[in-house]
Amino acid sequence: MGEVYFYHLTRNPVETTLATLLARALAQGWRIAVRGRERARLERLDARLWEGPPESFLPHGLAGGPHDARQPILLTTGAGANRPDCLMSVDGAEVAASELPDLKRACILFDGFDGAALGRAREQWKILTDRGCAARYWSEESGKWAEKASKNVS
């Protein structure tokens, strides 16, 4: 069962942190689903990922295309049709405890300056850890990522 990593963003926007995490997950050989709540937001993320420098290209697609199952990174509002090893949630998209047995990791990225996003992340932490999911909370407030809390982690 995969752990859930909560990323409390206070220095970089979600697009920047997401690109870094996607590159790291791909380096592990993982397939990734990026789950958002709104198609329009995912379309903006898709465009942003295409804008990166060629040496940091992240192969990806927006759900709804003919090759969703073959995408190394799939941006979606639903389940990952690409059979992901890692699920990355943005903008408060749901991560269910029932999904974790099939994942190596789930990542929940949230804006530390948005009260609603903080509340949603706290709610997800409680729901997931109450169901026995291992979770780690990471913060970048010092300028470097530091683990601030963990629960049910062996």
N, C-alpha and C. Protein backbone atom coordinates (compact mmCIF):
# COMPACT_ATOMS: atom_id res chain seq x y z
N MET A 1 0.84 -1.18 0.00
CA MET A 1 0.00 0.00 0.00
C MET A 1 0.88 1.24 0.00
N GLY A 2 0.55 2.17 -0.85
CA GLY A 2 1.33 3.39 -0.97
C GLY A 2 1.04 4.38 0.15
N GLU A 3 2.04 5.17 0.45
CA GLU A 3 1.89 6.25 1.41
C GLU A 3 1.30 7.47 0.70
N VAL A 4 0.76 8.37 1.52
CA VAL A 4 0.26 9.64 1.01
C VAL A 4 1.20 10.73 1.51
N TYR A 5 1.73 11.51 0.58
CA TYR A 5 2.58 12.64 0.93
C TYR A 5 1.78 13.93 0.72
N PHE A 6 1.68 14.72 1.77
CA PHE A 6 1.01 16.02 1.71
C PHE A 6 2.09 17.09 1.53
N TYR A 7 1.95 17.92 0.50
CA TYR A 7 2.92 18.98 0.21
C TYR A 7 2.26 20.33 0.43
N HIS A 8 2.67 21.01 1.51
CA HIS A 8 2.17 22.32 1.90
C HIS A 8 3.01 23.37 1.18
N LEU A 9 2.46 23.96 0.14
CA LEU A 9 3.19 24.90 -0.72
C LEU A 9 3.12 26.32 -0.17
N THR A 10 4.29 26.89 0.10
CA THR A 10 4.35 28.28 0.58
C THR A 10 5.36 29.12 -0.18
N ARG A 11 6.15 28.52 -1.04
CA ARG A 11 7.18 29.26 -1.77
C ARG A 11 7.02 29.20 -3.28
N ASN A 12 6.55 28.09 -3.79
CA ASN A 12 6.41 27.92 -5.23
C ASN A 12 4.96 27.58 -5.57
N PRO A 13 4.52 28.00 -6.75
CA PRO A 13 3.16 27.64 -7.17
C PRO A 13 3.06 26.15 -7.47
N VAL A 14 1.85 25.66 -7.50
CA VAL A 14 1.63 24.23 -7.73
C VAL A 14 2.27 23.78 -9.04
N GLU A 15 2.24 24.61 -10.08
CA GLU A 15 2.82 24.21 -11.37
C GLU A 15 4.31 23.89 -11.26
N THR A 16 5.03 24.67 -10.49
CA THR A 16 6.47 24.47 -10.32
C THR A 16 6.76 23.20 -9.52
N THR A 17 6.08 23.07 -8.38
CA THR A 17 6.29 21.89 -7.54
C THR A 17 5.83 20.63 -8.24
N LEU A 18 4.71 20.72 -8.94
CA LEU A 18 4.20 19.56 -9.67
C LEU A 18 5.21 19.08 -10.70
N ALA A 19 5.79 19.99 -11.47
CA ALA A 19 6.77 19.60 -12.48
C ALA A 19 7.97 18.90 -11.84
N THR A 20 8.43 19.39 -10.70
CA THR A 20 9.55 18.76 -9.99
C THR A 20 9.18 17.35 -9.53
N LEU A 21 8.01 17.21 -8.94
CA LEU A 21 7.58 15.89 -8.45
C LEU A 21 7.33 14.92 -9.60
N LEU A 22 6.78 15.42 -10.70
CA LEU A 22 6.57 14.55 -11.86
C LEU A 22 7.89 14.01 -12.39
N ALA A 23 8.90 14.88 -12.48
CA ALA A 23 10.22 14.44 -12.96
C ALA A 23 10.79 13.37 -12.04
N ARG A 24 10.65 13.55 -10.74
CA ARG A 24 11.17 12.56 -9.78
C ARG A 24 10.42 11.23 -9.89
N ALA A 25 9.12 11.30 -10.04
CA ALA A 25 8.32 10.07 -10.16
C ALA A 25 8.67 9.33 -11.45
N LEU A 26 8.83 10.05 -12.55
CA LEU A 26 9.22 9.41 -13.81
C LEU A 26 10.59 8.76 -13.68
N ALA A 27 11.50 9.40 -12.96
CA ALA A 27 12.84 8.84 -12.75
C ALA A 27 12.78 7.52 -11.99
N GLN A 28 11.70 7.32 -11.21
CA GLN A 28 11.50 6.05 -10.49
C GLN A 28 10.91 4.98 -11.41
N GLY A 29 10.55 5.38 -12.63
CA GLY A 29 9.92 4.45 -13.55
C GLY A 29 8.42 4.34 -13.36
N TRP A 30 7.84 5.29 -12.64
CA TRP A 30 6.41 5.25 -12.32
C TRP A 30 5.58 5.90 -13.43
N ARG A 31 4.35 5.40 -13.57
CA ARG A 31 3.32 6.07 -14.36
C ARG A 31 2.54 6.93 -13.37
N ILE A 32 2.10 8.11 -13.81
CA ILE A 32 1.48 9.06 -12.89
C ILE A 32 0.15 9.55 -13.44
N ALA A 33 -0.82 9.67 -12.54
CA ALA A 33 -2.06 10.36 -12.85
C ALA A 33 -2.07 11.64 -12.03
N VAL A 34 -2.31 12.77 -12.68
CA VAL A 34 -2.47 14.05 -12.00
C VAL A 34 -3.97 14.32 -12.00
N ARG A 35 -4.55 14.31 -10.80
CA ARG A 35 -6.00 14.48 -10.69
C ARG A 35 -6.33 15.89 -10.22
N GLY A 36 -7.17 16.55 -10.98
CA GLY A 36 -7.68 17.86 -10.61
C GLY A 36 -9.20 17.80 -10.52
N ARG A 37 -9.78 18.91 -10.14
CA ARG A 37 -11.24 18.97 -10.00
C ARG A 37 -11.92 19.55 -11.22
N GLU A 38 -11.19 20.35 -12.00
CA GLU A 38 -11.81 21.03 -13.14
C GLU A 38 -10.99 20.82 -14.40
N ARG A 39 -11.66 20.50 -15.47
CA ARG A 39 -11.01 20.27 -16.76
C ARG A 39 -10.22 21.51 -17.21
N ALA A 40 -10.80 22.70 -17.03
CA ALA A 40 -10.13 23.93 -17.47
C ALA A 40 -8.78 24.11 -16.75
N ARG A 41 -8.73 23.78 -15.49
CA ARG A 41 -7.48 23.88 -14.73
C ARG A 41 -6.45 22.88 -15.27
N LEU A 42 -6.89 21.68 -15.58
CA LEU A 42 -5.98 20.67 -16.12
C LEU A 42 -5.48 21.09 -17.51
N GLU A 43 -6.32 21.75 -18.28
CA GLU A 43 -5.88 22.26 -19.58
C GLU A 43 -4.78 23.31 -19.41
N ARG A 44 -4.89 24.15 -18.39
CA ARG A 44 -3.83 25.14 -18.11
C ARG A 44 -2.54 24.45 -17.66
N LEU A 45 -2.67 23.42 -16.82
CA LEU A 45 -1.49 22.66 -16.41
C LEU A 45 -0.85 21.97 -17.61
N ASP A 46 -1.66 21.41 -18.48
CA ASP A 46 -1.18 20.76 -19.69
C ASP A 46 -0.35 21.74 -20.52
N ALA A 47 -0.89 22.92 -20.75
CA ALA A 47 -0.17 23.94 -21.53
C ALA A 47 1.13 24.32 -20.85
N ARG A 48 1.09 24.47 -19.54
CA ARG A 48 2.30 24.85 -18.79
C ARG A 48 3.39 23.77 -18.89
N LEU A 49 2.98 22.50 -18.84
CA LEU A 49 3.95 21.41 -18.95
C LEU A 49 4.59 21.37 -20.33
N TRP A 50 3.86 21.77 -21.36
CA TRP A 50 4.43 21.81 -22.72
C TRP A 50 5.40 22.97 -22.89
N GLU A 51 5.30 24.00 -22.04
CA GLU A 51 6.15 25.18 -22.16
C GLU A 51 7.55 25.00 -21.60
N GLY A 52 7.80 23.96 -20.86
CA GLY A 52 9.09 23.76 -20.22
C GLY A 52 10.21 23.60 -21.22
N PRO A 53 11.46 23.77 -20.77
CA PRO A 53 12.61 23.61 -21.66
C PRO A 53 12.71 22.17 -22.17
N PRO A 54 13.22 21.98 -23.39
CA PRO A 54 13.28 20.64 -23.99
C PRO A 54 14.00 19.61 -23.11
N GLU A 55 15.02 20.03 -22.39
CA GLU A 55 15.78 19.07 -21.57
C GLU A 55 14.99 18.59 -20.36
N SER A 56 13.90 19.26 -20.03
CA SER A 56 13.09 18.82 -18.89
C SER A 56 11.68 18.41 -19.34
N PHE A 57 11.58 17.95 -20.57
CA PHE A 57 10.28 17.53 -21.13
C PHE A 57 9.65 16.45 -20.27
N LEU A 58 8.37 16.61 -19.98
CA LEU A 58 7.60 15.63 -19.22
C LEU A 58 6.53 15.05 -20.13
N PRO A 59 6.70 13.81 -20.60
CA PRO A 59 5.72 13.21 -21.52
C PRO A 59 4.38 13.04 -20.82
N HIS A 60 3.35 13.64 -21.39
CA HIS A 60 2.05 13.62 -20.73
C HIS A 60 0.92 13.81 -21.73
N GLY A 61 -0.28 13.59 -21.26
CA GLY A 61 -1.46 13.83 -22.06
C GLY A 61 -2.62 14.22 -21.17
N LEU A 62 -3.60 14.85 -21.79
CA LEU A 62 -4.82 15.26 -21.11
C LEU A 62 -5.88 14.18 -21.36
N ALA A 63 -6.51 13.71 -20.31
CA ALA A 63 -7.49 12.63 -20.43
C ALA A 63 -8.55 12.96 -21.48
N GLY A 64 -8.96 11.93 -22.17
CA GLY A 64 -9.97 12.08 -23.21
C GLY A 64 -9.41 11.85 -24.59
N GLY A 65 -8.11 11.60 -24.67
CA GLY A 65 -7.47 11.33 -25.95
C GLY A 65 -7.47 9.84 -26.28
N PRO A 66 -7.06 9.51 -27.49
CA PRO A 66 -7.09 8.10 -27.90
C PRO A 66 -6.03 7.23 -27.23
N HIS A 67 -5.03 7.84 -26.60
CA HIS A 67 -3.92 7.05 -26.04
C HIS A 67 -3.78 7.23 -24.53
N ASP A 68 -4.88 7.47 -23.83
CA ASP A 68 -4.83 7.69 -22.38
C ASP A 68 -4.09 6.57 -21.66
N ALA A 69 -4.36 5.33 -22.01
CA ALA A 69 -3.76 4.18 -21.31
C ALA A 69 -2.26 4.12 -21.49
N ARG A 70 -1.72 4.76 -22.52
CA ARG A 70 -0.28 4.70 -22.79
C ARG A 70 0.49 5.90 -22.23
N GLN A 71 -0.20 6.87 -21.66
CA GLN A 71 0.46 8.08 -21.19
C GLN A 71 1.29 7.83 -19.93
N PRO A 72 2.55 8.23 -19.93
CA PRO A 72 3.35 8.14 -18.70
C PRO A 72 2.79 9.05 -17.60
N ILE A 73 2.26 10.21 -18.02
CA ILE A 73 1.60 11.15 -17.11
C ILE A 73 0.25 11.48 -17.74
N LEU A 74 -0.82 11.27 -16.99
CA LEU A 74 -2.15 11.57 -17.50
C LEU A 74 -2.82 12.58 -16.58
N LEU A 75 -3.24 13.71 -17.13
CA LEU A 75 -3.97 14.74 -16.39
C LEU A 75 -5.46 14.42 -16.52
N THR A 76 -6.13 14.25 -15.38
CA THR A 76 -7.50 13.75 -15.41
C THR A 76 -8.31 14.29 -14.24
N THR A 77 -9.62 14.28 -14.41
CA THR A 77 -10.51 14.60 -13.29
C THR A 77 -11.05 13.32 -12.65
N GLY A 78 -10.73 12.18 -13.23
CA GLY A 78 -11.24 10.91 -12.72
C GLY A 78 -10.14 9.93 -12.38
N ALA A 79 -10.44 8.67 -12.58
CA ALA A 79 -9.47 7.60 -12.33
C ALA A 79 -8.40 7.63 -13.41
N GLY A 80 -7.23 7.18 -13.08
CA GLY A 80 -6.13 7.15 -14.04
C GLY A 80 -6.25 6.00 -15.02
N ALA A 81 -6.62 6.30 -16.24
CA ALA A 81 -6.75 5.26 -17.27
C ALA A 81 -5.39 4.70 -17.66
N ASN A 82 -4.31 5.31 -17.17
CA ASN A 82 -2.95 4.86 -17.51
C ASN A 82 -2.39 3.90 -16.46
N ARG A 83 -3.24 3.38 -15.57
CA ARG A 83 -2.81 2.46 -14.52
C ARG A 83 -1.62 3.05 -13.73
N PRO A 84 -1.84 4.14 -13.03
CA PRO A 84 -0.72 4.84 -12.39
C PRO A 84 -0.13 4.09 -11.20
N ASP A 85 1.16 4.34 -11.01
CA ASP A 85 1.85 3.92 -9.80
C ASP A 85 1.74 5.01 -8.74
N CYS A 86 1.55 6.23 -9.22
CA CYS A 86 1.52 7.41 -8.36
C CYS A 86 0.35 8.30 -8.78
N LEU A 87 -0.38 8.78 -7.80
CA LEU A 87 -1.48 9.71 -8.04
C LEU A 87 -1.10 11.03 -7.40
N MET A 88 -1.16 12.11 -8.17
CA MET A 88 -0.90 13.45 -7.64
C MET A 88 -2.18 14.26 -7.72
N SER A 89 -2.62 14.73 -6.57
CA SER A 89 -3.86 15.49 -6.46
C SER A 89 -3.55 16.97 -6.35
N VAL A 90 -4.26 17.78 -7.15
CA VAL A 90 -4.13 19.24 -7.08
C VAL A 90 -5.51 19.84 -6.87
N ASP A 91 -5.54 21.02 -6.29
CA ASP A 91 -6.78 21.79 -6.13
C ASP A 91 -7.85 21.06 -5.32
N GLY A 92 -7.42 20.23 -4.38
CA GLY A 92 -8.37 19.55 -3.50
C GLY A 92 -9.05 18.33 -4.09
N ALA A 93 -8.53 17.80 -5.20
CA ALA A 93 -9.13 16.61 -5.79
C ALA A 93 -9.05 15.44 -4.80
N GLU A 94 -10.07 14.65 -4.80
CA GLU A 94 -10.20 13.53 -3.87
C GLU A 94 -9.14 12.45 -4.09
N VAL A 95 -8.61 11.94 -2.98
CA VAL A 95 -7.79 10.74 -2.97
C VAL A 95 -8.46 9.81 -1.97
N ALA A 96 -8.94 8.68 -2.43
CA ALA A 96 -9.66 7.75 -1.56
C ALA A 96 -8.72 6.69 -1.00
N ALA A 97 -8.95 6.29 0.23
CA ALA A 97 -8.15 5.24 0.86
C ALA A 97 -8.19 3.96 0.04
N SER A 98 -9.30 3.70 -0.62
CA SER A 98 -9.44 2.48 -1.42
C SER A 98 -8.52 2.45 -2.63
N GLU A 99 -7.98 3.59 -3.03
CA GLU A 99 -7.06 3.65 -4.17
C GLU A 99 -5.63 3.28 -3.79
N LEU A 100 -5.27 3.46 -2.54
CA LEU A 100 -3.88 3.34 -2.11
C LEU A 100 -3.27 1.95 -2.25
N PRO A 101 -4.02 0.86 -2.09
CA PRO A 101 -3.39 -0.45 -2.27
C PRO A 101 -2.77 -0.66 -3.65
N ASP A 102 -3.29 0.02 -4.66
CA ASP A 102 -2.79 -0.15 -6.03
C ASP A 102 -1.70 0.87 -6.39
N LEU A 103 -1.34 1.74 -5.46
CA LEU A 103 -0.37 2.80 -5.74
C LEU A 103 0.91 2.62 -4.93
N LYS A 104 1.99 3.13 -5.47
CA LYS A 104 3.23 3.21 -4.70
C LYS A 104 3.23 4.47 -3.84
N ARG A 105 2.56 5.53 -4.35
CA ARG A 105 2.48 6.78 -3.61
C ARG A 105 1.33 7.62 -4.14
N ALA A 106 0.76 8.39 -3.23
CA ALA A 106 -0.18 9.45 -3.61
C ALA A 106 0.39 10.74 -3.05
N CYS A 107 0.25 11.81 -3.79
CA CYS A 107 0.75 13.13 -3.37
C CYS A 107 -0.41 14.12 -3.43
N ILE A 108 -0.57 14.86 -2.36
CA ILE A 108 -1.60 15.89 -2.31
C ILE A 108 -0.89 17.23 -2.17
N LEU A 109 -1.00 18.07 -3.19
CA LEU A 109 -0.35 19.37 -3.22
C LEU A 109 -1.40 20.43 -2.90
N PHE A 110 -1.09 21.33 -1.95
CA PHE A 110 -2.06 22.36 -1.61
C PHE A 110 -1.38 23.68 -1.28
N ASP A 111 -2.06 24.75 -1.62
CA ASP A 111 -1.58 26.12 -1.43
C ASP A 111 -1.69 26.50 0.04
N GLY A 112 -0.55 26.76 0.65
CA GLY A 112 -0.52 27.10 2.06
C GLY A 112 -1.09 28.46 2.41
N PHE A 113 -1.37 29.29 1.42
CA PHE A 113 -1.93 30.61 1.66
C PHE A 113 -3.43 30.67 1.39
N ASP A 114 -4.01 29.54 1.05
CA ASP A 114 -5.44 29.45 0.74
C ASP A 114 -6.11 28.70 1.89
N GLY A 115 -6.92 29.42 2.67
CA GLY A 115 -7.58 28.82 3.83
C GLY A 115 -8.43 27.61 3.49
N ALA A 116 -9.15 27.68 2.38
CA ALA A 116 -9.98 26.55 1.97
C ALA A 116 -9.12 25.34 1.61
N ALA A 117 -8.00 25.58 0.93
CA ALA A 117 -7.10 24.48 0.56
C ALA A 117 -6.48 23.85 1.80
N LEU A 118 -6.10 24.67 2.77
CA LEU A 118 -5.57 24.14 4.03
C LEU A 118 -6.62 23.28 4.74
N GLY A 119 -7.84 23.79 4.80
CA GLY A 119 -8.92 23.03 5.43
C GLY A 119 -9.17 21.71 4.73
N ARG A 120 -9.16 21.72 3.41
CA ARG A 120 -9.39 20.50 2.64
C ARG A 120 -8.26 19.50 2.89
N ALA A 121 -7.01 19.97 2.94
CA ALA A 121 -5.87 19.08 3.19
C ALA A 121 -5.96 18.46 4.59
N ARG A 122 -6.35 19.26 5.58
CA ARG A 122 -6.51 18.73 6.94
C ARG A 122 -7.60 17.66 6.97
N GLU A 123 -8.67 17.92 6.24
CA GLU A 123 -9.77 16.95 6.16
C GLU A 123 -9.29 15.64 5.51
N GLN A 124 -8.54 15.75 4.42
CA GLN A 124 -8.02 14.56 3.75
C GLN A 124 -7.05 13.80 4.65
N TRP A 125 -6.18 14.52 5.37
CA TRP A 125 -5.24 13.88 6.30
C TRP A 125 -6.03 13.05 7.31
N LYS A 126 -7.03 13.65 7.92
CA LYS A 126 -7.81 12.95 8.95
C LYS A 126 -8.53 11.73 8.37
N ILE A 127 -9.20 11.90 7.26
CA ILE A 127 -9.93 10.78 6.64
C ILE A 127 -8.97 9.63 6.32
N LEU A 128 -7.86 9.95 5.67
CA LEU A 128 -6.94 8.89 5.23
C LEU A 128 -6.24 8.22 6.40
N THR A 129 -5.75 9.00 7.36
CA THR A 129 -5.05 8.38 8.49
C THR A 129 -6.01 7.63 9.40
N ASP A 130 -7.24 8.10 9.54
CA ASP A 130 -8.25 7.37 10.32
C ASP A 130 -8.56 6.02 9.70
N ARG A 131 -8.34 5.90 8.39
CA ARG A 131 -8.58 4.63 7.70
C ARG A 131 -7.30 3.79 7.63
N GLY A 132 -6.28 4.19 8.37
CA GLY A 132 -5.07 3.39 8.48
C GLY A 132 -4.03 3.64 7.41
N CYS A 133 -4.21 4.67 6.62
CA CYS A 133 -3.24 4.99 5.56
C CYS A 133 -2.03 5.70 6.17
N ALA A 134 -0.86 5.31 5.71
CA ALA A 134 0.37 5.97 6.13
C ALA A 134 0.46 7.31 5.42
N ALA A 135 0.80 8.36 6.17
CA ALA A 135 0.86 9.70 5.60
C ALA A 135 2.06 10.47 6.14
N ARG A 136 2.59 11.32 5.29
CA ARG A 136 3.69 12.22 5.66
C ARG A 136 3.33 13.63 5.21
N TYR A 137 3.65 14.57 6.09
CA TYR A 137 3.35 15.98 5.81
C TYR A 137 4.67 16.72 5.60
N TRP A 138 4.79 17.35 4.42
CA TRP A 138 6.00 18.07 4.05
C TRP A 138 5.69 19.55 3.89
N SER A 139 6.61 20.39 4.37
CA SER A 139 6.45 21.84 4.25
C SER A 139 7.72 22.43 3.65
N GLU A 140 7.54 23.48 2.86
CA GLU A 140 8.69 24.17 2.27
C GLU A 140 8.91 25.55 2.88
N GLU A 141 8.28 25.81 4.03
CA GLU A 141 8.32 27.15 4.59
C GLU A 141 9.73 27.63 4.93
N SER A 142 10.66 26.75 5.23
CA SER A 142 12.03 27.16 5.57
C SER A 142 12.88 27.39 4.32
N GLY A 143 12.33 27.10 3.16
CA GLY A 143 13.09 27.24 1.91
C GLY A 143 13.51 25.89 1.36
N LYS A 144 13.53 24.88 2.20
CA LYS A 144 13.81 23.51 1.78
C LYS A 144 12.67 22.64 2.28
N TRP A 145 12.39 21.59 1.53
CA TRP A 145 11.34 20.68 1.96
C TRP A 145 11.78 19.96 3.23
N ALA A 146 10.90 19.94 4.23
CA ALA A 146 11.17 19.26 5.48
C ALA A 146 9.93 18.50 5.91
N GLU A 147 10.12 17.28 6.38
CA GLU A 147 9.00 16.50 6.89
C GLU A 147 8.64 17.03 8.27
N LYS A 148 7.38 17.42 8.42
CA LYS A 148 6.92 18.01 9.68
C LYS A 148 6.07 17.05 10.51
N ALA A 149 5.48 16.04 9.87
CA ALA A 149 4.64 15.09 10.60
C ALA A 149 4.52 13.81 9.80
N SER A 150 4.25 12.72 10.52
CA SER A 150 3.96 11.45 9.87
C SER A 150 3.01 10.67 10.76
N LYS A 151 2.28 9.77 10.14
CA LYS A 151 1.34 8.96 10.90
C LYS A 151 1.25 7.59 10.26
N ASN A 152 1.23 6.56 11.10
CA ASN A 152 1.12 5.17 10.66
C ASN A 152 2.22 4.79 9.67
N VAL A 153 3.39 5.37 9.83
CA VAL A 153 4.51 5.07 8.93
C VAL A 153 5.46 4.13 9.66
N SER A 154 5.78 3.01 9.00
CA SER A 154 6.70 2.05 9.66
C SER A 154 8.13 2.37 9.38
